[in-house]
Amino acid sequence: MYKIKTYNKISKTGLEVFDEKYTVGDEVENADGAIVRSAALHDTEFPASMKAIARAGAGTNNIPIDRCSEQGIVVFNTPGANANAVKELVIAGLLISSRRVVSGIEWAKTLKGEGDAVEKLVEKGKGAFAGPEIKGKSLGVIGLGAIGVVVANAANHLGMKVYGYDPYLSVKSAWNLNHNAIYINDINEIFAKCDYITIHVPLTEATNKLINTESIAKMKDGVRILNFARGGLVDNSAIKSALESGKVAAYVTDFPTEEVLDVDGVIAIPHLGASTPESEDNCASMAANELIDYIENGNIVNSVNLPEVTMPRSGEHRVCVIHKNIPNMITTITGIIAEDGVNIENMVNKSRGDYAYTMLDIGDSDTDAVAAEIESIEGVIRVRVI
């Protein structure tokens, strides 16, 4: 039996992925894995039994990634599971940033009580809420991951000229990107060319306040900026100044703060990007499958702290080793297995930054002894035998 701890209310559809081998719930102790949505885990002490944490969503800022890596805990996210939900809201953001629909609706409410005069007042006042169509306009997409690509493709189908920027563009994303999109190597070209700019990158030290006074100065006058990724990607003070001067025509954010609420030109949405039942089901199901595949097979897919490693089963036992990415590690591990007279039927090793992961399918052996010897190697963090 395996144990999975839930730190938030997780979609029932996702939890149904776990079969009778699993006990799942928020009261579970000494868990093998965990599923979390938005709960902050930075102050959480994880039991020695914890092997993996799956975030039912894309961002992992609420998880102590470095500490998990040091403890040999694999951290997963679910890229693409909520992509359609976010894409739809971004398209809505493009429209409401242009057509002033939200302001118009709020103004129309003020006409309550005017009786038969309402229709004439509407015709007289509607000009204050006019705005441009998005067809034929240029959209800059910063970040071409799962969400950025589907946003770019949808905007292209709506008749926009799409520019995309991502210095870490994956082969998968490149294949999925509409051929009409124009790939840009310099983010400054996005700033200079685009009528609309939407951001789809993670919040890191490098991307913190990516949209700031300096970058806004490089943009077109009247640019419209959309942020459905992370609040910290945009400098709120810079945005407020740019809105006041008219440099920025509108700022749509899914991350309201005190600083931007009720600011003219800001459309603040209460973090609704992935708030659809379909998205929550998709994220939870993907997270559950990631945990199952790792716990039962040792395979790692969509990890944010360890390399992607998968291998079909071929031996009596599978030895899974999380270790530091240092020289001679593979030679030392395989040497121990060879000394015990055990045949290695298949193996794979990949690294990611300071950490690496090795899986070996071996024949019949005293696996406890093999695991203990490997675990004694300097630089080895965790050994599992499946």
Protein backbone atom coordinates (compact mmCIF):
# COMPACT_ATOMS: atom_id res chain seq x y z
CA MET A 1 0.00 0.00 0.00
CA TYR A 2 1.09 3.55 -0.80
CA LYS A 3 0.05 6.74 0.94
CA ILE A 4 -0.70 10.09 -0.74
CA LYS A 5 -1.23 13.25 1.29
CA THR A 6 -3.40 16.05 -0.09
CA TYR A 7 -2.65 19.60 1.02
CA ASN A 8 -5.67 21.21 -0.67
CA LYS A 9 -9.08 20.16 -1.85
CA ILE A 10 -8.16 18.15 -4.94
CA SER A 11 -10.49 17.32 -7.82
CA LYS A 12 -12.37 14.08 -7.24
CA THR A 13 -11.71 13.14 -10.86
CA GLY A 14 -7.98 13.38 -10.23
CA LEU A 15 -8.08 11.35 -7.03
CA GLU A 16 -10.01 8.60 -8.76
CA VAL A 17 -6.85 7.90 -10.76
CA PHE A 18 -5.40 6.23 -7.66
CA ASP A 19 -6.43 2.58 -7.39
CA GLU A 20 -6.89 0.34 -4.36
CA LYS A 21 -3.13 0.27 -3.70
CA TYR A 22 -3.31 3.88 -2.49
CA THR A 23 -4.61 5.58 0.62
CA VAL A 24 -5.30 9.25 -0.14
CA GLY A 25 -6.32 12.15 2.10
CA ASP A 26 -5.32 15.22 4.06
CA GLU A 27 -4.92 13.25 7.28
CA VAL A 28 -2.43 10.77 5.84
CA GLU A 29 0.84 10.46 7.77
CA ASN A 30 4.23 9.17 6.60
CA ALA A 31 3.12 9.65 3.01
CA ASP A 32 4.96 8.37 -0.05
CA GLY A 33 3.77 11.30 -2.13
CA ALA A 34 1.70 14.45 -1.99
CA ILE A 35 -0.57 16.53 -4.22
CA VAL A 36 -0.82 20.26 -3.63
CA ARG A 37 -2.47 23.19 -5.35
CA SER A 38 -1.83 26.56 -3.69
CA ALA A 39 -0.95 25.58 -0.11
CA ALA A 40 2.42 27.01 0.99
CA LEU A 41 4.81 24.22 1.95
CA HIS A 42 7.95 26.22 2.70
CA ASP A 43 7.56 25.71 6.45
CA THR A 44 6.35 22.12 6.15
CA GLU A 45 8.57 19.32 7.43
CA PHE A 46 8.39 16.34 5.11
CA PRO A 47 8.64 12.79 6.49
CA ALA A 48 11.52 10.55 5.45
CA SER A 49 9.00 8.48 3.52
CA MET A 50 8.14 11.38 1.18
CA LYS A 51 9.35 10.54 -2.32
CA ALA A 52 7.55 13.04 -4.51
CA ILE A 53 5.30 16.11 -4.49
CA ALA A 54 3.05 16.92 -7.43
CA ARG A 55 1.74 20.44 -7.93
CA ALA A 56 -1.67 20.38 -9.61
CA GLY A 57 -0.79 23.41 -11.72
CA ALA A 58 2.19 24.95 -13.44
CA GLY A 59 3.77 27.26 -10.86
CA THR A 60 5.77 25.76 -7.98
CA ASN A 61 6.61 28.90 -5.97
CA ASN A 62 4.72 27.42 -3.01
CA ILE A 63 7.07 24.42 -2.80
CA PRO A 64 10.62 24.53 -1.32
CA ILE A 65 12.34 23.20 -4.44
CA ASP A 66 15.93 23.41 -3.17
CA ARG A 67 15.12 21.64 0.09
CA CYS A 68 13.23 18.93 -1.78
CA SER A 69 16.20 18.36 -4.07
CA GLU A 70 18.53 18.03 -1.09
CA GLN A 71 16.18 15.47 0.46
CA GLY A 72 15.76 13.48 -2.74
CA ILE A 73 12.10 14.46 -3.18
CA VAL A 74 11.02 14.79 -6.81
CA VAL A 75 8.79 17.80 -7.47
CA PHE A 76 6.37 17.59 -10.37
CA ASN A 77 4.11 20.15 -11.99
CA THR A 78 1.42 19.77 -14.64
CA PRO A 79 2.38 21.90 -17.65
CA GLY A 80 -0.34 22.18 -20.23
CA ALA A 81 -3.12 20.72 -18.07
CA ASN A 82 -4.61 24.17 -17.51
CA ALA A 83 -3.39 25.69 -20.78
CA ASN A 84 -6.78 25.91 -22.46
CA ALA A 85 -8.40 27.54 -19.43
CA VAL A 86 -5.69 30.21 -19.26
CA LYS A 87 -5.73 30.69 -23.03
CA GLU A 88 -9.45 31.41 -23.02
CA LEU A 89 -9.05 34.04 -20.29
CA VAL A 90 -6.12 35.64 -22.13
CA ILE A 91 -8.28 35.98 -25.23
CA ALA A 92 -10.97 37.56 -23.06
CA GLY A 93 -8.27 39.86 -21.68
CA LEU A 94 -7.25 40.94 -25.18
CA LEU A 95 -10.84 41.84 -25.97
CA ILE A 96 -11.71 43.67 -22.76
CA SER A 97 -8.43 45.61 -22.83
CA SER A 98 -9.45 46.95 -26.24
CA ARG A 99 -13.19 47.38 -26.25
CA ARG A 100 -13.63 48.79 -22.70
CA VAL A 101 -16.44 46.33 -22.14
CA VAL A 102 -15.96 46.20 -18.37
CA SER A 103 -16.12 50.00 -17.99
CA GLY A 104 -19.12 50.11 -20.29
CA ILE A 105 -21.00 47.53 -18.24
CA GLU A 106 -20.30 49.41 -15.02
CA TRP A 107 -21.46 52.68 -16.60
CA ALA A 108 -24.64 51.05 -17.94
CA LYS A 109 -25.56 50.06 -14.39
CA THR A 110 -25.62 53.73 -13.41
CA LEU A 111 -28.53 54.30 -15.79
CA LYS A 112 -30.86 52.29 -13.59
CA GLY A 113 -33.92 54.44 -12.76
CA GLU A 114 -33.77 56.57 -15.93
CA GLY A 115 -36.80 54.81 -17.33
CA ASP A 116 -37.60 55.45 -21.00
CA ALA A 117 -34.50 57.67 -21.31
CA VAL A 118 -32.11 54.72 -20.96
CA GLU A 119 -31.93 53.94 -24.68
CA LYS A 120 -31.12 57.54 -25.63
CA LEU A 121 -28.56 57.82 -22.83
CA VAL A 122 -26.89 54.61 -24.03
CA GLU A 123 -26.57 55.95 -27.58
CA LYS A 124 -25.26 59.26 -26.29
CA GLY A 125 -22.73 57.77 -23.87
CA LYS A 126 -21.42 54.72 -25.72
CA GLY A 127 -18.68 56.69 -27.48
CA ALA A 128 -16.73 56.93 -24.23
CA PHE A 129 -16.18 53.17 -24.34
CA ALA A 130 -15.14 52.67 -27.95
CA GLY A 131 -11.98 50.75 -28.65
CA PRO A 132 -10.04 49.05 -31.45
CA GLU A 133 -10.51 45.57 -32.85
CA ILE A 134 -7.71 43.09 -32.28
CA LYS A 135 -7.77 41.75 -35.84
CA GLY A 136 -4.74 42.99 -37.73
CA LYS A 137 -2.94 44.13 -34.59
CA SER A 138 0.38 42.71 -33.39
CA LEU A 139 0.65 40.51 -30.30
CA GLY A 140 3.91 39.73 -28.56
CA VAL A 141 3.94 36.48 -26.60
CA ILE A 142 6.78 36.33 -24.07
CA GLY A 143 7.27 32.68 -23.14
CA LEU A 144 6.33 29.88 -25.53
CA GLY A 145 5.61 27.05 -23.15
CA ALA A 146 2.36 25.09 -23.08
CA ILE A 147 0.24 28.19 -22.44
CA GLY A 148 2.18 30.67 -24.56
CA VAL A 149 1.95 28.45 -27.64
CA VAL A 150 -1.83 27.95 -27.47
CA VAL A 151 -2.31 31.69 -26.83
CA ALA A 152 -0.16 32.48 -29.87
CA ASN A 153 -2.07 30.02 -32.04
CA ALA A 154 -5.47 31.30 -30.91
CA ALA A 155 -4.46 34.91 -31.53
CA ASN A 156 -3.25 33.97 -34.98
CA HIS A 157 -6.63 32.40 -35.77
CA LEU A 158 -8.27 35.65 -34.66
CA GLY A 159 -6.30 37.54 -37.30
CA MET A 160 -3.51 38.98 -35.17
CA LYS A 161 0.12 39.17 -36.26
CA VAL A 162 1.90 37.14 -33.61
CA TYR A 163 5.50 37.51 -32.46
CA GLY A 164 6.92 34.99 -30.01
CA TYR A 165 9.95 35.16 -27.74
CA ASP A 166 11.43 32.34 -25.66
CA PRO A 167 15.18 31.75 -25.28
CA TYR A 168 14.42 28.24 -23.97
CA LEU A 169 11.99 27.18 -26.69
CA SER A 170 11.55 23.40 -26.59
CA VAL A 171 11.32 21.21 -29.66
CA LYS A 172 7.77 20.24 -28.68
CA SER A 173 6.69 23.88 -28.43
CA ALA A 174 8.37 24.71 -31.72
CA TRP A 175 6.45 21.92 -33.45
CA ASN A 176 3.15 23.06 -31.94
CA LEU A 177 3.59 26.75 -32.72
CA ASN A 178 1.55 27.98 -35.68
CA HIS A 179 3.81 28.47 -38.72
CA ASN A 180 2.50 32.02 -39.14
CA ALA A 181 3.95 33.09 -35.80
CA ILE A 182 7.20 35.04 -36.06
CA TYR A 183 9.91 33.86 -33.70
CA ILE A 184 11.93 36.70 -32.18
CA ASN A 185 15.43 36.25 -30.72
CA ASP A 186 15.54 39.60 -28.91
CA ILE A 187 12.84 40.50 -26.39
CA ASN A 188 13.37 44.19 -27.23
CA GLU A 189 11.83 43.51 -30.64
CA ILE A 190 8.65 42.39 -28.88
CA PHE A 191 8.62 45.66 -26.95
CA ALA A 192 9.19 47.76 -30.08
CA LYS A 193 6.81 46.03 -32.50
CA CYS A 194 3.75 44.91 -30.58
CA ASP A 195 0.42 46.57 -29.88
CA TYR A 196 -0.36 43.96 -27.23
CA ILE A 197 2.07 42.04 -25.02
CA THR A 198 1.20 38.95 -22.98
CA ILE A 199 3.59 37.29 -20.53
CA HIS A 200 3.81 33.52 -19.98
CA VAL A 201 7.06 32.84 -18.14
CA PRO A 202 7.78 31.57 -14.61
CA LEU A 203 8.71 34.04 -11.88
CA THR A 204 12.44 33.72 -11.25
CA GLU A 205 15.23 36.03 -10.21
CA ALA A 206 15.86 36.74 -13.89
CA THR A 207 12.21 37.49 -14.75
CA ASN A 208 11.25 39.43 -11.61
CA LYS A 209 9.79 42.79 -12.74
CA LEU A 210 10.46 41.90 -16.37
CA ILE A 211 8.01 44.64 -17.27
CA ASN A 212 9.46 47.77 -15.71
CA THR A 213 10.11 51.44 -16.45
CA GLU A 214 12.97 50.65 -18.81
CA SER A 215 11.15 47.97 -20.81
CA ILE A 216 7.95 50.02 -21.00
CA ALA A 217 9.91 52.94 -22.44
CA LYS A 218 10.84 50.70 -25.39
CA MET A 219 7.21 49.87 -26.15
CA LYS A 220 4.77 51.46 -28.53
CA ASP A 221 2.63 54.31 -27.23
CA GLY A 222 -0.76 52.94 -26.23
CA VAL A 223 0.48 49.38 -25.74
CA ARG A 224 -1.78 46.97 -23.88
CA ILE A 225 -0.11 44.55 -21.44
CA LEU A 226 -1.55 41.29 -20.13
CA ASN A 227 -0.22 39.28 -17.20
CA PHE A 228 -1.77 35.88 -16.54
CA ALA A 229 1.48 34.26 -15.37
CA ARG A 230 2.71 35.73 -12.05
CA GLY A 231 2.18 39.09 -10.36
CA GLY A 232 5.87 39.71 -9.71
CA LEU A 233 6.67 39.76 -13.42
CA VAL A 234 5.36 43.32 -13.63
CA ASP A 235 6.52 46.37 -11.67
CA ASN A 236 3.23 47.84 -10.46
CA SER A 237 4.69 51.29 -9.84
CA ALA A 238 6.01 51.42 -13.40
CA ILE A 239 2.64 50.32 -14.78
CA LYS A 240 0.77 52.97 -12.81
CA SER A 241 3.07 55.71 -14.07
CA ALA A 242 2.78 54.45 -17.64
CA LEU A 243 -1.01 54.38 -17.44
CA GLU A 244 -1.11 57.92 -16.07
CA SER A 245 1.10 59.19 -18.90
CA GLY A 246 -0.84 57.30 -21.58
CA LYS A 247 2.19 55.22 -22.60
CA VAL A 248 0.23 52.10 -21.63
CA ALA A 249 -3.43 52.05 -22.63
CA ALA A 250 -4.47 49.13 -20.44
CA TYR A 251 -3.04 46.57 -18.05
CA VAL A 252 -4.91 43.32 -17.51
CA THR A 253 -3.70 41.29 -14.55
CA ASP A 254 -4.90 38.07 -12.98
CA PHE A 255 -3.00 39.01 -9.80
CA PRO A 256 -4.61 42.00 -8.09
CA THR A 257 -2.74 43.84 -5.34
CA GLU A 258 -3.67 46.84 -3.23
CA GLU A 259 -1.42 48.98 -5.40
CA VAL A 260 -3.29 48.41 -8.67
CA LEU A 261 -6.87 48.07 -7.48
CA ASP A 262 -9.16 50.85 -8.69
CA VAL A 263 -6.42 52.35 -10.87
CA ASP A 264 -7.77 53.77 -14.13
CA GLY A 265 -6.66 51.52 -16.97
CA VAL A 266 -6.10 48.44 -14.81
CA ILE A 267 -8.42 45.49 -15.30
CA ALA A 268 -7.87 43.33 -12.23
CA ILE A 269 -9.18 39.77 -12.44
CA PRO A 270 -9.23 37.67 -9.23
CA HIS A 271 -6.81 34.92 -10.33
CA LEU A 272 -9.28 33.08 -12.54
CA GLY A 273 -6.77 31.78 -15.10
CA ALA A 274 -7.10 28.11 -14.24
CA SER A 275 -10.38 28.33 -12.34
CA THR A 276 -12.45 25.96 -14.43
CA PRO A 277 -13.68 22.51 -13.44
CA GLU A 278 -12.04 21.08 -16.55
CA SER A 279 -8.68 22.59 -15.64
CA GLU A 280 -8.83 21.37 -12.05
CA ASP A 281 -9.71 17.86 -13.24
CA ASN A 282 -6.92 17.86 -15.82
CA CYS A 283 -4.28 19.13 -13.38
CA ALA A 284 -5.23 16.69 -10.64
CA SER A 285 -5.33 13.73 -13.02
CA MET A 286 -1.94 14.58 -14.49
CA ALA A 287 -0.45 15.07 -11.02
CA ALA A 288 -1.81 11.72 -9.86
CA ASN A 289 -0.43 9.89 -12.90
CA GLU A 290 2.99 11.50 -12.40
CA LEU A 291 3.12 10.30 -8.80
CA ILE A 292 1.97 6.79 -9.70
CA ASP A 293 4.52 6.41 -12.49
CA TYR A 294 7.33 7.57 -10.24
CA ILE A 295 6.35 5.61 -7.13
CA GLU A 296 5.65 2.36 -8.99
CA ASN A 297 8.10 2.58 -11.91
CA GLY A 298 10.68 5.22 -11.01
CA ASN A 299 9.91 7.22 -14.15
CA ILE A 300 10.18 11.01 -13.95
CA VAL A 301 8.07 13.15 -16.27
CA ASN A 302 7.42 16.90 -15.80
CA SER A 303 9.74 17.38 -12.84
CA VAL A 304 10.96 20.88 -12.00
CA ASN A 305 14.02 19.76 -10.04
CA LEU A 306 15.23 16.53 -11.65
CA PRO A 307 15.76 15.43 -15.26
CA GLU A 308 13.10 13.69 -17.30
CA VAL A 309 13.94 9.98 -17.24
CA THR A 310 11.78 7.09 -18.42
CA MET A 311 12.63 3.50 -19.26
CA PRO A 312 10.53 0.38 -19.93
CA ARG A 313 10.89 -2.34 -17.29
CA SER A 314 13.18 -5.24 -18.22
CA GLY A 315 14.70 -6.79 -15.08
CA GLU A 316 13.74 -8.46 -11.83
CA HIS A 317 14.38 -5.28 -9.90
CA ARG A 318 14.71 -1.59 -10.67
CA VAL A 319 17.25 0.49 -8.73
CA CYS A 320 16.55 4.24 -8.74
CA VAL A 321 19.29 6.58 -7.56
CA ILE A 322 19.06 10.34 -7.02
CA HIS A 323 22.55 11.76 -6.71
CA LYS A 324 24.73 14.80 -7.16
CA ASN A 325 25.87 15.48 -10.70
CA ILE A 326 29.56 14.74 -10.10
CA PRO A 327 32.27 12.78 -11.98
CA ASN A 328 32.65 8.98 -11.70
CA MET A 329 29.25 8.47 -10.10
CA ILE A 330 27.99 6.06 -12.78
CA THR A 331 31.25 4.08 -12.72
CA THR A 332 31.02 3.74 -8.94
CA ILE A 333 27.37 2.65 -8.97
CA THR A 334 27.80 0.09 -11.73
CA GLY A 335 31.02 -1.14 -10.13
CA ILE A 336 29.19 -2.02 -6.93
CA ILE A 337 26.57 -3.97 -8.87
CA ALA A 338 29.24 -5.79 -10.89
CA GLU A 339 31.16 -6.73 -7.75
CA ASP A 340 28.02 -8.42 -6.43
CA GLY A 341 27.85 -10.48 -9.62
CA VAL A 342 24.57 -8.92 -10.70
CA ASN A 343 23.73 -8.39 -14.35
CA ILE A 344 22.58 -4.91 -15.47
CA GLU A 345 19.91 -5.51 -18.08
CA ASN A 346 19.23 -1.87 -18.86
CA MET A 347 20.10 1.54 -17.48
CA VAL A 348 19.68 5.25 -18.07
CA ASN A 349 21.27 8.33 -16.55
CA LYS A 350 20.46 12.00 -16.99
CA SER A 351 21.40 15.17 -15.17
CA ARG A 352 19.84 18.54 -14.52
CA GLY A 353 22.01 21.22 -12.97
CA ASP A 354 23.54 19.97 -9.72
CA TYR A 355 21.47 16.79 -9.62
CA ALA A 356 21.23 13.58 -11.61
CA TYR A 357 19.07 10.49 -11.73
CA THR A 358 20.09 6.95 -12.62
CA MET A 359 17.80 3.96 -13.15
CA LEU A 360 19.13 0.43 -13.49
CA ASP A 361 17.14 -2.71 -14.24
CA ILE A 362 19.02 -5.63 -12.72
CA GLY A 363 18.65 -9.39 -12.37
CA ASP A 364 17.88 -11.31 -9.23
CA SER A 365 20.05 -10.21 -6.29
CA ASP A 366 20.18 -9.20 -2.66
CA THR A 367 18.69 -5.79 -3.40
CA ASP A 368 18.88 -4.60 0.20
CA ALA A 369 22.63 -5.09 0.22
CA VAL A 370 23.05 -3.45 -3.20
CA ALA A 371 20.97 -0.46 -2.15
CA ALA A 372 22.91 -0.05 1.11
CA GLU A 373 26.24 -0.07 -0.72
CA ILE A 374 25.06 2.46 -3.29
CA GLU A 375 23.59 4.67 -0.57
CA SER A 376 27.00 4.80 1.12
CA ILE A 377 28.58 6.47 -1.94
CA GLU A 378 29.45 10.11 -1.34
CA GLY A 379 27.07 12.29 -3.34
CA VAL A 380 24.20 9.77 -3.38
CA ILE A 381 21.04 11.33 -1.95
CA ARG A 382 18.43 8.61 -2.22
CA VAL A 383 18.20 4.99 -3.37
CA ARG A 384 15.00 3.10 -4.07
CA VAL A 385 14.52 -0.48 -5.21
CA ILE A 386 11.27 -1.19 -7.00
